[in-house]
């Protein structure tokens, strides 16, 4: 476990920032999102769930969150939509999703993923919802039917 933590701490901002540039092309966006998801997941596993995600501010600065949301909003590819919503959910752990459209659509999609046929997708969506629920505004949206 110690080596995983050391690797996560060494992941630098610049390579991730460059990955966000690939989110505009749906043909390669899936691979870029998989890489981003793995980086976000690795850091999540090495930090307390009560802390803000380590990359939240950095991804906000380079518009990474909004690039993922734009891809989420425009794609018809289920795997890309799922991965983008999970990444956004994890990045906003303990933070309010200020953009109302983003908050409603991401949380709504994550809620549908709780019944996904793929068990791993179910688990990661539930995890993202749990992280989002630590904020009162997000939690209120999650509790809506």
Foldseek 3Di string as FASTA:
>chain_A
DVVLLVVLVPDDLVVLLVLLVVLVDPVCNLVSLVVLLVSQVSQCVNDDLQDQRPCLVSCVVSVSLVSLVVSLVPDPDPSSVLSSLLSNLSNQQLHDPPPPVNLLVSLVVLVVQCPPPDPVSNVSSVVSLVRQCNHPVSVVSNPDD
